[in-house]
Amino acid sequence: MTNSEIIDTLGGTTKVARMCLVSPPAVAMWRKTGIPPDRMIFVAAQLEKATDGQVTRKMLFPNSWAKIWPELNPPEQ
């Protein structure tokens, strides 16, 4: 999923700006330069909710999701 698709799925530039507590021009720049990693962690959780789990945090962070969201690890048996 591209940065623009993520922003559009979450409601557009202004809505994502409010969500991330940044200015709309900052989010508009993210469409070209990429969503900063610290913001992407927050955005990923929102995106998972907005897509009803079709796009997951595990998909967006395949190598680091377990460290960022340890609660997503399956319970140990």
C-alpha atoms as a PDB file:
ATOM      1  CA  MET A   1       0.000   0.000   0.000  1.00  0.00           C
ATOM      2  CA  THR A   2       1.439   3.385  -0.980  1.00  0.00           C
ATOM      3  CA  ASN A   3       1.685   6.388   1.319  1.00  0.00           C
ATOM      4  CA  SER A   4      -1.053   8.130  -0.668  1.00  0.00           C
ATOM      5  CA  GLU A   5      -3.322   5.091  -0.413  1.00  0.00           C
ATOM      6  CA  ILE A   6      -2.782   4.950   3.349  1.00  0.00           C
ATOM      7  CA  ILE A   7      -3.595   8.646   3.750  1.00  0.00           C
ATOM      8  CA  ASP A   8      -6.658   8.386   1.512  1.00  0.00           C
ATOM      9  CA  THR A   9      -7.923   5.285   3.332  1.00  0.00           C
ATOM     10  CA  LEU A  10      -7.679   7.148   6.632  1.00  0.00           C
ATOM     11  CA  GLY A  11      -9.789  10.030   5.322  1.00  0.00           C
ATOM     12  CA  GLY A  12      -7.354  12.299   3.537  1.00  0.00           C
ATOM     13  CA  THR A  13      -4.664  14.797   4.317  1.00  0.00           C
ATOM     14  CA  THR A  14      -6.549  16.978   6.788  1.00  0.00           C
ATOM     15  CA  LYS A  15      -7.954  14.081   8.797  1.00  0.00           C
ATOM     16  CA  VAL A  16      -4.557  12.377   9.046  1.00  0.00           C
ATOM     17  CA  ALA A  17      -2.966  15.687  10.041  1.00  0.00           C
ATOM     18  CA  ARG A  18      -5.454  16.053  12.905  1.00  0.00           C
ATOM     19  CA  MET A  19      -4.950  12.418  13.879  1.00  0.00           C
ATOM     20  CA  CYS A  20      -1.158  12.816  14.024  1.00  0.00           C
ATOM     21  CA  LEU A  21      -1.170  16.338  15.471  1.00  0.00           C
ATOM     22  CA  VAL A  22       0.732  17.809  12.522  1.00  0.00           C
ATOM     23  CA  SER A  23      -0.092  20.338   9.816  1.00  0.00           C
ATOM     24  CA  PRO A  24      -1.860  19.322   6.589  1.00  0.00           C
ATOM     25  CA  PRO A  25       1.180  20.445   4.526  1.00  0.00           C
ATOM     26  CA  ALA A  26       3.303  17.982   6.508  1.00  0.00           C
ATOM     27  CA  VAL A  27       0.968  15.133   5.598  1.00  0.00           C
ATOM     28  CA  ALA A  28       0.861  16.309   1.980  1.00  0.00           C
ATOM     29  CA  MET A  29       4.658  16.012   1.960  1.00  0.00           C
ATOM     30  CA  TRP A  30       4.406  12.474   3.356  1.00  0.00           C
ATOM     31  CA  ARG A  31       2.684  11.455   0.133  1.00  0.00           C
ATOM     32  CA  LYS A  32       5.998  12.082  -1.658  1.00  0.00           C
ATOM     33  CA  THR A  33       8.628  11.515   1.025  1.00  0.00           C
ATOM     34  CA  GLY A  34       7.007   8.758   3.059  1.00  0.00           C
ATOM     35  CA  ILE A  35       5.287   8.677   6.409  1.00  0.00           C
ATOM     36  CA  PRO A  36       7.914   9.108   9.165  1.00  0.00           C
ATOM     37  CA  PRO A  37       8.503   5.876  11.106  1.00  0.00           C
ATOM     38  CA  ASP A  38       7.284   7.279  14.426  1.00  0.00           C
ATOM     39  CA  ARG A  39       4.042   8.442  12.802  1.00  0.00           C
ATOM     40  CA  MET A  40       3.685   5.232  10.806  1.00  0.00           C
ATOM     41  CA  ILE A  41       3.523   3.228  14.021  1.00  0.00           C
ATOM     42  CA  PHE A  42       0.462   5.235  15.067  1.00  0.00           C
ATOM     43  CA  VAL A  43      -1.006   5.328  11.552  1.00  0.00           C
ATOM     44  CA  ALA A  44      -0.646   1.547  11.198  1.00  0.00           C
ATOM     45  CA  ALA A  45      -2.937   0.887  14.141  1.00  0.00           C
ATOM     46  CA  GLN A  46      -5.501   3.322  12.775  1.00  0.00           C
ATOM     47  CA  LEU A  47      -5.233   1.783   9.313  1.00  0.00           C
ATOM     48  CA  GLU A  48      -5.840  -1.690  10.717  1.00  0.00           C
ATOM     49  CA  LYS A  49      -9.070  -0.424  12.293  1.00  0.00           C
ATOM     50  CA  ALA A  50     -10.139   1.513   9.193  1.00  0.00           C
ATOM     51  CA  THR A  51      -9.702  -1.520   6.929  1.00  0.00           C
ATOM     52  CA  ASP A  52     -11.343  -3.963   9.359  1.00  0.00           C
ATOM     53  CA  GLY A  53      -8.095  -5.902   9.541  1.00  0.00           C
ATOM     54  CA  GLN A  54      -7.518  -6.227   5.795  1.00  0.00           C
ATOM     55  CA  VAL A  55      -4.299  -4.243   6.233  1.00  0.00           C
ATOM     56  CA  THR A  56      -2.610  -5.245   9.470  1.00  0.00           C
ATOM     57  CA  ARG A  57       0.223  -3.883  11.538  1.00  0.00           C
ATOM     58  CA  LYS A  58       1.981  -7.197  10.960  1.00  0.00           C
ATOM     59  CA  MET A  59       1.784  -6.611   7.202  1.00  0.00           C
ATOM     60  CA  LEU A  60       3.119  -3.075   7.477  1.00  0.00           C
ATOM     61  CA  PHE A  61       5.924  -3.993   9.898  1.00  0.00           C
ATOM     62  CA  PRO A  62       6.777  -7.598   8.982  1.00  0.00           C
ATOM     63  CA  ASN A  63      10.169  -7.568  10.715  1.00  0.00           C
ATOM     64  CA  SER A  64       9.439  -5.515  13.797  1.00  0.00           C
ATOM     65  CA  TRP A  65       5.752  -5.777  14.697  1.00  0.00           C
ATOM     66  CA  ALA A  66       6.405  -8.097  17.671  1.00  0.00           C
ATOM     67  CA  LYS A  67       8.723  -5.543  19.280  1.00  0.00           C
ATOM     68  CA  ILE A  68       6.397  -2.608  18.644  1.00  0.00           C
ATOM     69  CA  TRP A  69       3.150  -4.360  19.610  1.00  0.00           C
ATOM     70  CA  PRO A  70       4.028  -7.282  21.920  1.00  0.00           C
ATOM     71  CA  GLU A  71       0.345  -7.706  22.716  1.00  0.00           C
ATOM     72  CA  LEU A  72      -0.115  -9.102  19.184  1.00  0.00           C
ATOM     73  CA  ASN A  73       2.079 -12.089  20.004  1.00  0.00           C
ATOM     74  CA  PRO A  74       0.083 -15.258  20.458  1.00  0.00           C
ATOM     75  CA  PRO A  75      -0.145 -16.404  24.081  1.00  0.00           C
ATOM     76  CA  GLU A  76       2.503 -18.882  25.102  1.00  0.00           C
ATOM     77  CA  GLN A  77       1.264 -22.373  25.794  1.00  0.00           C
END
